[in-house]
Protein backbone atom coordinates (compact mmCIF):
# COMPACT_ATOMS: atom_id res chain seq x y z
CA MET A 1 13.61 -7.96 -18.25
CA ASP A 2 12.72 -7.60 -14.60
CA PRO A 3 13.25 -4.35 -12.66
CA ALA A 4 16.59 -5.54 -11.35
CA GLY A 5 17.97 -5.83 -14.86
CA VAL A 6 17.74 -9.61 -15.01
CA ASP A 7 15.95 -11.24 -17.93
CA ALA A 8 12.64 -12.50 -16.61
CA HIS A 9 10.96 -13.15 -19.91
CA PRO A 10 12.77 -13.10 -23.27
CA GLY A 11 10.01 -11.19 -25.03
CA GLY A 12 9.32 -8.36 -22.61
CA ARG A 13 8.25 -7.48 -19.12
CA LEU A 14 5.78 -8.93 -16.69
CA ALA A 15 2.51 -7.14 -15.93
CA GLY A 16 2.89 -4.37 -13.38
CA GLN A 17 6.63 -3.92 -13.85
CA LEU A 18 8.22 -0.64 -14.73
CA ASP A 19 9.63 -0.58 -18.24
CA LEU A 20 13.39 -0.34 -17.94
CA GLY A 21 14.06 -0.54 -21.64
CA ASP A 22 17.70 -0.92 -22.59
CA GLN A 23 19.07 1.55 -20.03
CA VAL A 24 20.04 -1.17 -17.55
CA ALA A 25 20.95 -3.92 -19.99
CA ALA A 26 24.63 -3.03 -19.84
CA ARG A 27 24.70 -2.61 -16.01
CA ARG A 28 23.71 -5.99 -14.72
CA VAL A 29 24.62 -6.49 -11.09
CA PRO A 30 23.92 -9.82 -9.40
CA ALA A 31 20.70 -9.60 -7.43
CA ARG A 32 19.99 -11.50 -4.25
CA LYS A 33 16.70 -13.34 -4.39
CA VAL A 34 14.32 -12.72 -1.52
CA ASP A 35 12.13 -15.63 -0.51
CA ALA A 36 11.46 -17.87 2.50
CA GLY A 37 15.22 -18.44 2.99
CA VAL A 38 16.26 -14.78 2.88
CA GLY A 39 13.12 -13.01 3.98
CA PRO A 40 11.99 -9.55 2.99
CA ASP A 41 12.41 -8.45 6.61
CA GLN A 42 16.13 -9.20 6.50
CA ALA A 43 16.51 -7.71 3.02
CA ALA A 44 14.62 -4.55 4.07
CA THR A 45 16.92 -4.21 7.08
CA THR A 46 19.98 -4.54 4.82
CA VAL A 47 18.70 -1.89 2.40
CA ALA A 48 17.68 0.48 5.23
CA ALA A 49 21.07 0.06 6.91
CA SER A 50 22.80 1.01 3.65
CA ALA A 51 20.99 4.37 3.40
CA GLN A 52 23.04 7.50 3.99
CA ARG A 53 20.71 10.31 2.87
CA VAL A 54 17.22 9.15 1.83
CA LEU A 55 15.24 5.95 2.33
CA THR A 56 12.27 5.74 -0.04
CA ILE A 57 9.49 3.18 0.46
CA LEU A 58 6.51 2.31 -1.73
CA THR A 59 4.26 -0.10 0.16
CA HIS A 60 0.68 -1.26 0.04
CA SER A 61 0.09 -1.39 3.79
CA LEU A 62 3.34 -1.11 5.77
CA GLU A 63 3.35 -4.87 6.22
CA SER A 64 4.07 -5.67 9.88
CA GLU A 65 6.33 -8.59 8.98
CA ILE A 66 8.75 -6.11 7.39
CA TYR A 67 8.14 -2.68 8.89
CA GLU A 68 7.74 -3.79 12.51
CA TYR A 69 10.70 -6.17 12.39
CA PRO A 70 12.89 -5.03 15.35
CA PRO A 71 16.20 -4.95 13.41
CA PHE A 72 14.51 -2.89 10.65
CA ILE A 73 13.11 -0.43 13.22
CA ALA A 74 16.58 -0.17 14.80
CA ALA A 75 18.20 0.45 11.38
CA VAL A 76 15.69 3.22 10.60
CA LYS A 77 16.26 4.85 14.00
CA ARG A 78 20.04 4.75 13.52
CA PHE A 79 19.62 6.21 10.05
CA VAL A 80 17.38 9.16 10.93
CA LEU A 81 19.11 10.01 14.19
CA GLY A 82 22.63 9.64 12.78
CA PRO A 83 23.66 11.72 9.77
CA ARG A 84 22.39 15.19 9.08
CA PHE A 85 19.54 15.66 6.66
CA ALA A 86 18.48 12.01 6.72
CA LYS A 87 14.95 11.50 5.40
CA VAL A 88 12.52 8.60 5.09
CA ARG A 89 9.71 8.97 2.54
CA VAL A 90 6.87 6.43 2.59
CA LEU A 91 4.08 6.25 0.03
CA VAL A 92 1.23 3.99 1.13
CA LEU A 93 -0.93 2.57 -1.64
CA ASN A 94 -3.62 0.93 0.52
CA PRO A 95 -3.82 2.99 3.73
CA GLY A 96 -7.10 1.47 4.89
CA ARG A 97 -5.34 -1.76 5.90
CA ILE A 98 -2.94 -0.17 8.40
CA MET A 99 -3.59 -0.31 12.14
CA TYR A 100 -2.30 3.22 12.81
CA GLY A 101 -2.78 3.06 16.56
CA ARG A 102 -0.67 -0.07 17.04
CA HIS A 103 1.96 0.02 14.30
CA GLU A 104 5.53 0.50 15.56
CA PHE A 105 6.80 2.22 12.41
CA ILE A 106 3.87 4.67 12.58
CA ALA A 107 4.71 5.37 16.24
CA ILE A 108 8.27 6.27 15.25
CA ALA A 109 6.99 8.44 12.39
CA ARG A 110 4.81 10.34 14.87
CA LYS A 111 7.82 11.05 17.08
CA LEU A 112 10.23 11.88 14.26
CA THR A 113 8.07 13.92 11.90
CA SER A 114 11.05 15.97 10.74
CA TYR A 115 12.71 12.81 9.42
CA ILE A 116 9.92 10.42 8.43
CA GLU A 117 7.13 11.51 6.10
CA ILE A 118 4.23 9.23 5.19
CA ARG A 119 1.77 10.02 2.43
CA ASN A 120 -1.28 8.18 1.15
CA ALA A 121 -1.19 7.62 -2.61
CA GLN A 122 -3.86 9.18 -4.76
CA PRO A 123 -6.46 6.72 -6.13
CA GLN A 124 -5.06 6.76 -9.68
CA PHE A 125 -1.67 5.57 -8.34
CA ARG A 126 -2.97 2.80 -6.05
CA ASP A 127 -3.29 -0.02 -8.59
CA HIS A 128 0.48 -0.53 -8.79
CA PRO A 129 0.94 -4.22 -7.80
CA SER A 130 4.59 -4.14 -6.71
CA THR A 131 6.38 -2.68 -3.71
CA TYR A 132 9.92 -1.42 -3.35
CA MET A 133 12.41 0.25 -1.07
CA ILE A 134 15.30 2.41 -2.25
CA ALA A 135 18.30 3.55 -0.23
CA ASP A 136 19.70 6.77 -1.67
CA ASP A 137 19.97 6.18 -5.40
CA ARG A 138 21.64 2.80 -5.42
CA ALA A 139 20.18 0.00 -3.23
CA THR A 140 16.78 -1.56 -3.90
CA LEU A 141 14.43 -4.17 -2.52
CA TYR A 142 11.75 -5.03 -5.07
CA ARG A 143 8.73 -7.32 -4.80
CA LEU A 144 6.77 -7.82 -8.01
CA GLN A 145 3.54 -8.62 -6.14
CA SER A 146 2.83 -7.08 -2.75
CA SER A 147 0.87 -10.19 -1.80
CA ARG A 148 3.98 -12.38 -2.18
CA TRP A 149 7.23 -12.28 -0.22
CA ASP A 150 9.60 -13.15 -3.06
CA GLY A 151 11.58 -10.41 -4.73
CA LEU A 152 15.04 -9.06 -5.48
CA CYS A 153 17.51 -7.15 -3.34
CA GLU A 154 20.39 -5.22 -4.91
CA LEU A 155 22.81 -3.00 -3.06
CA ARG A 156 24.48 -1.40 -6.09
CA ASN A 157 22.34 -0.75 -9.13
CA GLU A 158 21.98 2.98 -9.64
CA ALA A 159 20.10 2.73 -12.94
CA VAL A 160 17.30 0.63 -11.47
CA ALA A 161 17.18 2.72 -8.29
CA ARG A 162 16.81 5.92 -10.32
CA LEU A 163 13.99 4.41 -12.37
CA TYR A 164 12.09 3.44 -9.22
CA LEU A 165 12.74 6.89 -7.78
CA GLU A 166 11.19 8.50 -10.86
CA HIS A 167 8.12 6.28 -10.47
CA PHE A 168 7.95 7.01 -6.74
CA ASP A 169 8.36 10.76 -7.23
CA ALA A 170 5.43 10.81 -9.67
CA GLY A 171 3.16 9.31 -6.99
CA TRP A 172 4.72 11.33 -4.18
CA ASN A 173 4.22 14.65 -5.95
CA GLN A 174 0.53 13.89 -6.59
CA CYS A 175 -0.06 13.82 -2.82
CA ALA A 176 -0.85 17.28 -1.48
CA VAL A 177 -0.94 16.58 2.27
CA PRO A 178 1.75 14.51 3.95
CA ARG A 179 0.31 11.72 6.09
CA ALA A 180 2.91 12.43 8.82
CA GLN A 181 1.19 15.75 9.53
CA ALA A 182 -2.10 13.97 10.05
CA LEU A 183 -0.39 11.37 12.26
CA SER A 184 1.03 13.99 14.62
CA SER A 185 -2.41 15.56 15.22
């Protein structure tokens, strides 16, 4: 079963996927496939625009094709400057590949440090092959391999979102110093 609750392989899960067990078997919600037709930039914008409290991102390198996409940047700005207590948490698995001086999302994070927090994952957490984005505890964008653009986008699957949040929180809590503090220096 893949992380969106759709059977991917009858006998189990693919390498690198979180084990969902039977907890989402009964809550299958149609997932929208993300590929060349519906790109991850558009799907990321849709998920970000659906956030009301917290936007959570696990990424290998803040891929420019997604995180510098102008509609995505606009959705994040609307989100953090709109409702009270809005928060964006970003956990970067491969920080060495980011051009910090020229990345638009990083520039926004530097200006809005109260709303956007970026942390570098600890080495033991960096071998996770997939990436995902979670809006609140319901909407997800999931890519099995960070090197590929195909994935799944779901706007209402709380069980899957909570599972990803648990995984994210484990990596997030291992990081002692937020990257956003280092960015503002």
